[in-house]
Amino acid sequence: MLQSVRSNLNIVRPTTDDYFEAVVQLTKLNLGGPLIYDALLLQAARKVNADTIYTCDLKHFHELAPDLASRIRTP
């Protein structure tokens, strides 16, 4: 199953700039901790101009990326 999923995905590797932008975003919102992982996922979505971003954590994703709100969905 994992191989099937992997073959249909575009792997996005974060750069130093991506990490920096994610930290800047969290700092602007006065947030931190494990939300860095959500911020990095959202930064990757921006990088590839993702059509849809799936998450079970709509609240945090909308808070971290209001610019992507129209693309964020639950699975």
PDB file of N, CA and C in Angstrom:
ATOM      1  N   MET A   1       0.817  -1.182   0.000  1.00  0.00           N
ATOM      2  CA  MET A   1       0.000   0.000   0.000  1.00  0.00           C
ATOM      3  C   MET A   1       0.871   1.261   0.000  1.00  0.00           C
ATOM      4  N   LEU A   2       1.899   1.278   0.842  1.00  0.00           N
ATOM      5  CA  LEU A   2       2.764   2.457   0.916  1.00  0.00           C
ATOM      6  C   LEU A   2       3.456   2.736  -0.412  1.00  0.00           C
ATOM      7  N   GLN A   3       3.894   1.675  -1.079  1.00  0.00           N
ATOM      8  CA  GLN A   3       4.537   1.850  -2.386  1.00  0.00           C
ATOM      9  C   GLN A   3       3.565   2.477  -3.383  1.00  0.00           C
ATOM     10  N   SER A   4       2.314   2.051  -3.336  1.00  0.00           N
ATOM     11  CA  SER A   4       1.299   2.597  -4.228  1.00  0.00           C
ATOM     12  C   SER A   4       1.076   4.084  -3.952  1.00  0.00           C
ATOM     13  N   VAL A   5       0.999   4.442  -2.690  1.00  0.00           N
ATOM     14  CA  VAL A   5       0.818   5.844  -2.320  1.00  0.00           C
ATOM     15  C   VAL A   5       2.029   6.655  -2.751  1.00  0.00           C
ATOM     16  N   ARG A   6       3.209   6.146  -2.477  1.00  0.00           N
ATOM     17  CA  ARG A   6       4.440   6.869  -2.810  1.00  0.00           C
ATOM     18  C   ARG A   6       4.554   7.134  -4.305  1.00  0.00           C
ATOM     19  N   SER A   7       4.148   6.187  -5.112  1.00  0.00           N
ATOM     20  CA  SER A   7       4.276   6.367  -6.559  1.00  0.00           C
ATOM     21  C   SER A   7       3.328   7.445  -7.093  1.00  0.00           C
ATOM     22  N   ASN A   8       2.340   7.832  -6.298  1.00  0.00           N
ATOM     23  CA  ASN A   8       1.393   8.862  -6.717  1.00  0.00           C
ATOM     24  C   ASN A   8       1.637  10.208  -6.048  1.00  0.00           C
ATOM     25  N   LEU A   9       2.734  10.347  -5.329  1.00  0.00           N
ATOM     26  CA  LEU A   9       3.038  11.587  -4.625  1.00  0.00           C
ATOM     27  C   LEU A   9       4.245  12.285  -5.227  1.00  0.00           C
ATOM     28  N   ASN A  10       4.282  13.570  -5.015  1.00  0.00           N
ATOM     29  CA  ASN A  10       5.442  14.376  -5.375  1.00  0.00           C
ATOM     30  C   ASN A  10       6.182  14.675  -4.072  1.00  0.00           C
ATOM     31  N   ILE A  11       7.361  14.119  -3.887  1.00  0.00           N
ATOM     32  CA  ILE A  11       8.133  14.328  -2.666  1.00  0.00           C
ATOM     33  C   ILE A  11       8.744  15.724  -2.698  1.00  0.00           C
ATOM     34  N   VAL A  12       8.512  16.492  -1.632  1.00  0.00           N
ATOM     35  CA  VAL A  12       9.037  17.849  -1.521  1.00  0.00           C
ATOM     36  C   VAL A  12       9.986  17.885  -0.328  1.00  0.00           C
ATOM     37  N   ARG A  13      11.243  18.182  -0.597  1.00  0.00           N
ATOM     38  CA  ARG A  13      12.229  18.265   0.476  1.00  0.00           C
ATOM     39  C   ARG A  13      12.384  19.713   0.914  1.00  0.00           C
ATOM     40  N   PRO A  14      12.250  19.965   2.222  1.00  0.00           N
ATOM     41  CA  PRO A  14      12.373  21.351   2.690  1.00  0.00           C
ATOM     42  C   PRO A  14      13.812  21.851   2.598  1.00  0.00           C
ATOM     43  N   THR A  15      13.936  23.106   2.232  1.00  0.00           N
ATOM     44  CA  THR A  15      15.234  23.769   2.183  1.00  0.00           C
ATOM     45  C   THR A  15      15.422  24.582   3.467  1.00  0.00           C
ATOM     46  N   THR A  16      16.600  25.143   3.616  1.00  0.00           N
ATOM     47  CA  THR A  16      16.858  26.029   4.752  1.00  0.00           C
ATOM     48  C   THR A  16      15.890  27.199   4.728  1.00  0.00           C
ATOM     49  N   ASP A  17      15.620  27.734   3.550  1.00  0.00           N
ATOM     50  CA  ASP A  17      14.668  28.841   3.422  1.00  0.00           C
ATOM     51  C   ASP A  17      13.261  28.433   3.848  1.00  0.00           C
ATOM     52  N   ASP A  18      12.868  27.200   3.534  1.00  0.00           N
ATOM     53  CA  ASP A  18      11.552  26.711   3.936  1.00  0.00           C
ATOM     54  C   ASP A  18      11.435  26.657   5.458  1.00  0.00           C
ATOM     55  N   TYR A  19      12.473  26.146   6.117  1.00  0.00           N
ATOM     56  CA  TYR A  19      12.480  26.113   7.581  1.00  0.00           C
ATOM     57  C   TYR A  19      12.392  27.528   8.142  1.00  0.00           C
ATOM     58  N   PHE A  20      13.157  28.438   7.569  1.00  0.00           N
ATOM     59  CA  PHE A  20      13.162  29.820   8.033  1.00  0.00           C
ATOM     60  C   PHE A  20      11.766  30.437   7.899  1.00  0.00           C
ATOM     61  N   GLU A  21      11.138  30.262   6.741  1.00  0.00           N
ATOM     62  CA  GLU A  21       9.795  30.815   6.522  1.00  0.00           C
ATOM     63  C   GLU A  21       8.777  30.223   7.492  1.00  0.00           C
ATOM     64  N   ALA A  22       8.885  28.929   7.784  1.00  0.00           N
ATOM     65  CA  ALA A  22       7.969  28.286   8.727  1.00  0.00           C
ATOM     66  C   ALA A  22       8.141  28.874  10.127  1.00  0.00           C
ATOM     67  N   VAL A  23       9.373  29.081  10.541  1.00  0.00           N
ATOM     68  CA  VAL A  23       9.637  29.666  11.863  1.00  0.00           C
ATOM     69  C   VAL A  23       9.149  31.113  11.911  1.00  0.00           C
ATOM     70  N   VAL A  24       9.370  31.868  10.850  1.00  0.00           N
ATOM     71  CA  VAL A  24       8.884  33.252  10.791  1.00  0.00           C
ATOM     72  C   VAL A  24       7.363  33.280  10.935  1.00  0.00           C
ATOM     73  N   GLN A  25       6.684  32.386  10.231  1.00  0.00           N
ATOM     74  CA  GLN A  25       5.223  32.324  10.298  1.00  0.00           C
ATOM     75  C   GLN A  25       4.757  32.036  11.719  1.00  0.00           C
ATOM     76  N   LEU A  26       5.388  31.069  12.374  1.00  0.00           N
ATOM     77  CA  LEU A  26       5.019  30.752  13.755  1.00  0.00           C
ATOM     78  C   LEU A  26       5.278  31.925  14.682  1.00  0.00           C
ATOM     79  N   THR A  27       6.397  32.595  14.486  1.00  0.00           N
ATOM     80  CA  THR A  27       6.753  33.737  15.328  1.00  0.00           C
ATOM     81  C   THR A  27       5.725  34.859  15.177  1.00  0.00           C
ATOM     82  N   LYS A  28       5.300  35.136  13.954  1.00  0.00           N
ATOM     83  CA  LYS A  28       4.297  36.173  13.715  1.00  0.00           C
ATOM     84  C   LYS A  28       2.996  35.878  14.447  1.00  0.00           C
ATOM     85  N   LEU A  29       2.675  34.590  14.577  1.00  0.00           N
ATOM     86  CA  LEU A  29       1.438  34.176  15.232  1.00  0.00           C
ATOM     87  C   LEU A  29       1.627  33.890  16.723  1.00  0.00           C
ATOM     88  N   ASN A  30       2.865  34.106  17.211  1.00  0.00           N
ATOM     89  CA  ASN A  30       3.193  33.842  18.618  1.00  0.00           C
ATOM     90  C   ASN A  30       2.913  32.371  18.978  1.00  0.00           C
ATOM     91  N   LEU A  31       3.297  31.482  18.072  1.00  0.00           N
ATOM     92  CA  LEU A  31       3.108  30.045  18.266  1.00  0.00           C
ATOM     93  C   LEU A  31       4.455  29.352  18.196  1.00  0.00           C
ATOM     94  N   GLY A  32       4.498  28.096  18.595  1.00  0.00           N
ATOM     95  CA  GLY A  32       5.737  27.342  18.525  1.00  0.00           C
ATOM     96  C   GLY A  32       5.500  25.873  18.782  1.00  0.00           C
ATOM     97  N   GLY A  33       6.551  25.203  19.205  1.00  0.00           N
ATOM     98  CA  GLY A  33       6.469  23.785  19.551  1.00  0.00           C
ATOM     99  C   GLY A  33       6.208  22.911  18.346  1.00  0.00           C
ATOM    100  N   PRO A  34       5.401  21.882  18.547  1.00  0.00           N
ATOM    101  CA  PRO A  34       5.178  20.905  17.475  1.00  0.00           C
ATOM    102  C   PRO A  34       4.439  21.470  16.259  1.00  0.00           C
ATOM    103  N   LEU A  35       3.896  22.672  16.375  1.00  0.00           N
ATOM    104  CA  LEU A  35       3.246  23.278  15.210  1.00  0.00           C
ATOM    105  C   LEU A  35       4.226  23.547  14.077  1.00  0.00           C
ATOM    106  N   ILE A  36       5.519  23.476  14.369  1.00  0.00           N
ATOM    107  CA  ILE A  36       6.519  23.650  13.314  1.00  0.00           C
ATOM    108  C   ILE A  36       6.324  22.615  12.208  1.00  0.00           C
ATOM    109  N   TYR A  37       5.883  21.413  12.583  1.00  0.00           N
ATOM    110  CA  TYR A  37       5.668  20.370  11.581  1.00  0.00           C
ATOM    111  C   TYR A  37       4.512  20.741  10.650  1.00  0.00           C
ATOM    112  N   ASP A  38       3.437  21.271  11.214  1.00  0.00           N
ATOM    113  CA  ASP A  38       2.327  21.737  10.388  1.00  0.00           C
ATOM    114  C   ASP A  38       2.781  22.886   9.502  1.00  0.00           C
ATOM    115  N   ALA A  39       3.543  23.816  10.064  1.00  0.00           N
ATOM    116  CA  ALA A  39       4.035  24.961   9.292  1.00  0.00           C
ATOM    117  C   ALA A  39       4.924  24.502   8.139  1.00  0.00           C
ATOM    118  N   LEU A  40       5.740  23.482   8.362  1.00  0.00           N
ATOM    119  CA  LEU A  40       6.596  22.959   7.293  1.00  0.00           C
ATOM    120  C   LEU A  40       5.772  22.278   6.200  1.00  0.00           C
ATOM    121  N   LEU A  41       4.744  21.543   6.594  1.00  0.00           N
ATOM    122  CA  LEU A  41       3.863  20.914   5.600  1.00  0.00           C
ATOM    123  C   LEU A  41       3.169  21.977   4.753  1.00  0.00           C
ATOM    124  N   LEU A  42       2.728  23.025   5.401  1.00  0.00           N
ATOM    125  CA  LEU A  42       2.068  24.105   4.666  1.00  0.00           C
ATOM    126  C   LEU A  42       3.041  24.850   3.761  1.00  0.00           C
ATOM    127  N   GLN A  43       4.280  25.000   4.215  1.00  0.00           N
ATOM    128  CA  GLN A  43       5.298  25.637   3.386  1.00  0.00           C
ATOM    129  C   GLN A  43       5.554  24.782   2.132  1.00  0.00           C
ATOM    130  N   ALA A  44       5.573  23.483   2.296  1.00  0.00           N
ATOM    131  CA  ALA A  44       5.742  22.582   1.142  1.00  0.00           C
ATOM    132  C   ALA A  44       4.559  22.707   0.190  1.00  0.00           C
ATOM    133  N   ALA A  45       3.361  22.833   0.733  1.00  0.00           N
ATOM    134  CA  ALA A  45       2.169  22.994  -0.106  1.00  0.00           C
ATOM    135  C   ALA A  45       2.252  24.280  -0.918  1.00  0.00           C
ATOM    136  N   ARG A  46       2.739  25.346  -0.283  1.00  0.00           N
ATOM    137  CA  ARG A  46       2.925  26.610  -1.009  1.00  0.00           C
ATOM    138  C   ARG A  46       3.961  26.438  -2.127  1.00  0.00           C
ATOM    139  N   LYS A  47       5.031  25.756  -1.788  1.00  0.00           N
ATOM    140  CA  LYS A  47       6.156  25.588  -2.716  1.00  0.00           C
ATOM    141  C   LYS A  47       5.731  24.922  -4.019  1.00  0.00           C
ATOM    142  N   VAL A  48       4.837  23.943  -3.919  1.00  0.00           N
ATOM    143  CA  VAL A  48       4.396  23.223  -5.123  1.00  0.00           C
ATOM    144  C   VAL A  48       3.032  23.705  -5.612  1.00  0.00           C
ATOM    145  N   ASN A  49       2.508  24.744  -4.963  1.00  0.00           N
ATOM    146  CA  ASN A  49       1.198  25.283  -5.317  1.00  0.00           C
ATOM    147  C   ASN A  49       0.135  24.183  -5.310  1.00  0.00           C
ATOM    148  N   ALA A  50       0.055  23.464  -4.199  1.00  0.00           N
ATOM    149  CA  ALA A  50      -0.868  22.338  -4.061  1.00  0.00           C
ATOM    150  C   ALA A  50      -2.320  22.786  -4.262  1.00  0.00           C
ATOM    151  N   ASP A  51      -3.069  21.991  -4.992  1.00  0.00           N
ATOM    152  CA  ASP A  51      -4.492  22.273  -5.208  1.00  0.00           C
ATOM    153  C   ASP A  51      -5.303  22.025  -3.952  1.00  0.00           C
ATOM    154  N   THR A  52      -4.965  20.943  -3.245  1.00  0.00           N
ATOM    155  CA  THR A  52      -5.695  20.550  -2.042  1.00  0.00           C
ATOM    156  C   THR A  52      -4.704  20.115  -0.974  1.00  0.00           C
ATOM    157  N   ILE A  53      -4.996  20.497   0.263  1.00  0.00           N
ATOM    158  CA  ILE A  53      -4.160  20.136   1.401  1.00  0.00           C
ATOM    159  C   ILE A  53      -5.060  19.402   2.387  1.00  0.00           C
ATOM    160  N   TYR A  54      -4.757  18.144   2.641  1.00  0.00           N
ATOM    161  CA  TYR A  54      -5.594  17.343   3.540  1.00  0.00           C
ATOM    162  C   TYR A  54      -4.996  17.297   4.935  1.00  0.00           C
ATOM    163  N   THR A  55      -5.871  17.463   5.932  1.00  0.00           N
ATOM    164  CA  THR A  55      -5.464  17.390   7.328  1.00  0.00           C
ATOM    165  C   THR A  55      -6.667  17.036   8.191  1.00  0.00           C
ATOM    166  N   CYS A  56      -6.388  16.468   9.341  1.00  0.00           N
ATOM    167  CA  CYS A  56      -7.429  16.244  10.336  1.00  0.00           C
ATOM    168  C   CYS A  56      -7.417  17.376  11.371  1.00  0.00           C
ATOM    169  N   ASP A  57      -6.541  18.333  11.193  1.00  0.00           N
ATOM    170  CA  ASP A  57      -6.374  19.448  12.125  1.00  0.00           C
ATOM    171  C   ASP A  57      -6.685  20.774  11.424  1.00  0.00           C
ATOM    172  N   LEU A  58      -7.926  20.934  11.028  1.00  0.00           N
ATOM    173  CA  LEU A  58      -8.325  22.128  10.296  1.00  0.00           C
ATOM    174  C   LEU A  58      -8.030  23.406  11.069  1.00  0.00           C
ATOM    175  N   LYS A  59      -8.269  23.405  12.361  1.00  0.00           N
ATOM    176  CA  LYS A  59      -8.083  24.611  13.174  1.00  0.00           C
ATOM    177  C   LYS A  59      -6.663  25.158  13.039  1.00  0.00           C
ATOM    178  N   HIS A  60      -5.675  24.323  13.286  1.00  0.00           N
ATOM    179  CA  HIS A  60      -4.286  24.785  13.227  1.00  0.00           C
ATOM    180  C   HIS A  60      -3.857  25.140  11.807  1.00  0.00           C
ATOM    181  N   PHE A  61      -4.270  24.355  10.849  1.00  0.00           N
ATOM    182  CA  PHE A  61      -3.873  24.638   9.467  1.00  0.00           C
ATOM    183  C   PHE A  61      -4.461  25.965   8.993  1.00  0.00           C
ATOM    184  N   HIS A  62      -5.715  26.243   9.348  1.00  0.00           N
ATOM    185  CA  HIS A  62      -6.317  27.527   8.980  1.00  0.00           C
ATOM    186  C   HIS A  62      -5.644  28.671   9.718  1.00  0.00           C
ATOM    187  N   GLU A  63      -5.283  28.450  10.961  1.00  0.00           N
ATOM    188  CA  GLU A  63      -4.605  29.478  11.748  1.00  0.00           C
ATOM    189  C   GLU A  63      -3.216  29.779  11.179  1.00  0.00           C
ATOM    190  N   LEU A  64      -2.496  28.726  10.783  1.00  0.00           N
ATOM    191  CA  LEU A  64      -1.143  28.890  10.267  1.00  0.00           C
ATOM    192  C   LEU A  64      -1.090  29.392   8.826  1.00  0.00           C
ATOM    193  N   ALA A  65      -2.136  29.115   8.061  1.00  0.00           N
ATOM    194  CA  ALA A  65      -2.097  29.467   6.638  1.00  0.00           C
ATOM    195  C   ALA A  65      -3.440  30.004   6.148  1.00  0.00           C
ATOM    196  N   PRO A  66      -3.833  31.176   6.615  1.00  0.00           N
ATOM    197  CA  PRO A  66      -5.095  31.726   6.122  1.00  0.00           C
ATOM    198  C   PRO A  66      -5.094  31.933   4.607  1.00  0.00           C
ATOM    199  N   ASP A  67      -3.914  32.122   4.034  1.00  0.00           N
ATOM    200  CA  ASP A  67      -3.810  32.289   2.580  1.00  0.00           C
ATOM    201  C   ASP A  67      -4.131  31.006   1.810  1.00  0.00           C
ATOM    202  N   LEU A  68      -4.075  29.868   2.495  1.00  0.00           N
ATOM    203  CA  LEU A  68      -4.360  28.584   1.851  1.00  0.00           C
ATOM    204  C   LEU A  68      -5.703  27.996   2.290  1.00  0.00           C
ATOM    205  N   ALA A  69      -6.472  28.745   3.066  1.00  0.00           N
ATOM    206  CA  ALA A  69      -7.698  28.228   3.689  1.00  0.00           C
ATOM    207  C   ALA A  69      -8.656  27.585   2.690  1.00  0.00           C
ATOM    208  N   SER A  70      -8.772  28.148   1.510  1.00  0.00           N
ATOM    209  CA  SER A  70      -9.711  27.593   0.531  1.00  0.00           C
ATOM    210  C   SER A  70      -9.284  26.233  -0.014  1.00  0.00           C
ATOM    211  N   ARG A  71      -8.025  25.872   0.213  1.00  0.00           N
ATOM    212  CA  ARG A  71      -7.501  24.591  -0.289  1.00  0.00           C
ATOM    213  C   ARG A  71      -7.408  23.526   0.792  1.00  0.00           C
ATOM    214  N   ILE A  72      -7.621  23.894   2.046  1.00  0.00           N
ATOM    215  CA  ILE A  72      -7.448  22.967   3.171  1.00  0.00           C
ATOM    216  C   ILE A  72      -8.743  22.200   3.391  1.00  0.00           C
ATOM    217  N   ARG A  73      -8.622  20.880   3.449  1.00  0.00           N
ATOM    218  CA  ARG A  73      -9.780  19.987   3.586  1.00  0.00           C
ATOM    219  C   ARG A  73      -9.475  18.847   4.560  1.00  0.00           C
ATOM    220  N   THR A  74     -10.533  18.232   5.051  1.00  0.00           N
ATOM    221  CA  THR A  74     -10.363  16.989   5.808  1.00  0.00           C
ATOM    222  C   THR A  74     -10.405  15.837   4.809  1.00  0.00           C
ATOM    223  N   PRO A  75      -9.733  14.732   5.161  1.00  0.00           N
ATOM    224  CA  PRO A  75      -9.743  13.579   4.219  1.00  0.00           C
ATOM    225  C   PRO A  75     -11.124  12.974   4.056  1.00  0.00           C
TER     226      PRO A  75
END
